[in-house]
């Protein structure tokens, strides 16, 4: 199935995924593609899905099927490292 993933800066790209892939596997592949395209810096990221008016973090150990991700879904790359001032 095809999904769209958006970077924190708002760049979007379509990806072909399998419902039985884990969120972690998809995240690794997506981050690698965005880094190779020079539109994202390497770092710790997770994926989120808009549910209602909130982006909900997806568990990297679960499959897209279990998380309820459907064809055409728009997922968001989220920084997983804590923000540090200074």
Foldseek 3Di string as FASTA:
>chain_A
DKEWEAEPVGDIDIDDDDQQQFQLVVVVVVQVVCVVVVNDDDADKFKFFDDPNDTHTGDRVGGNVVVPDDPHGYIYIDHPDDDDDD
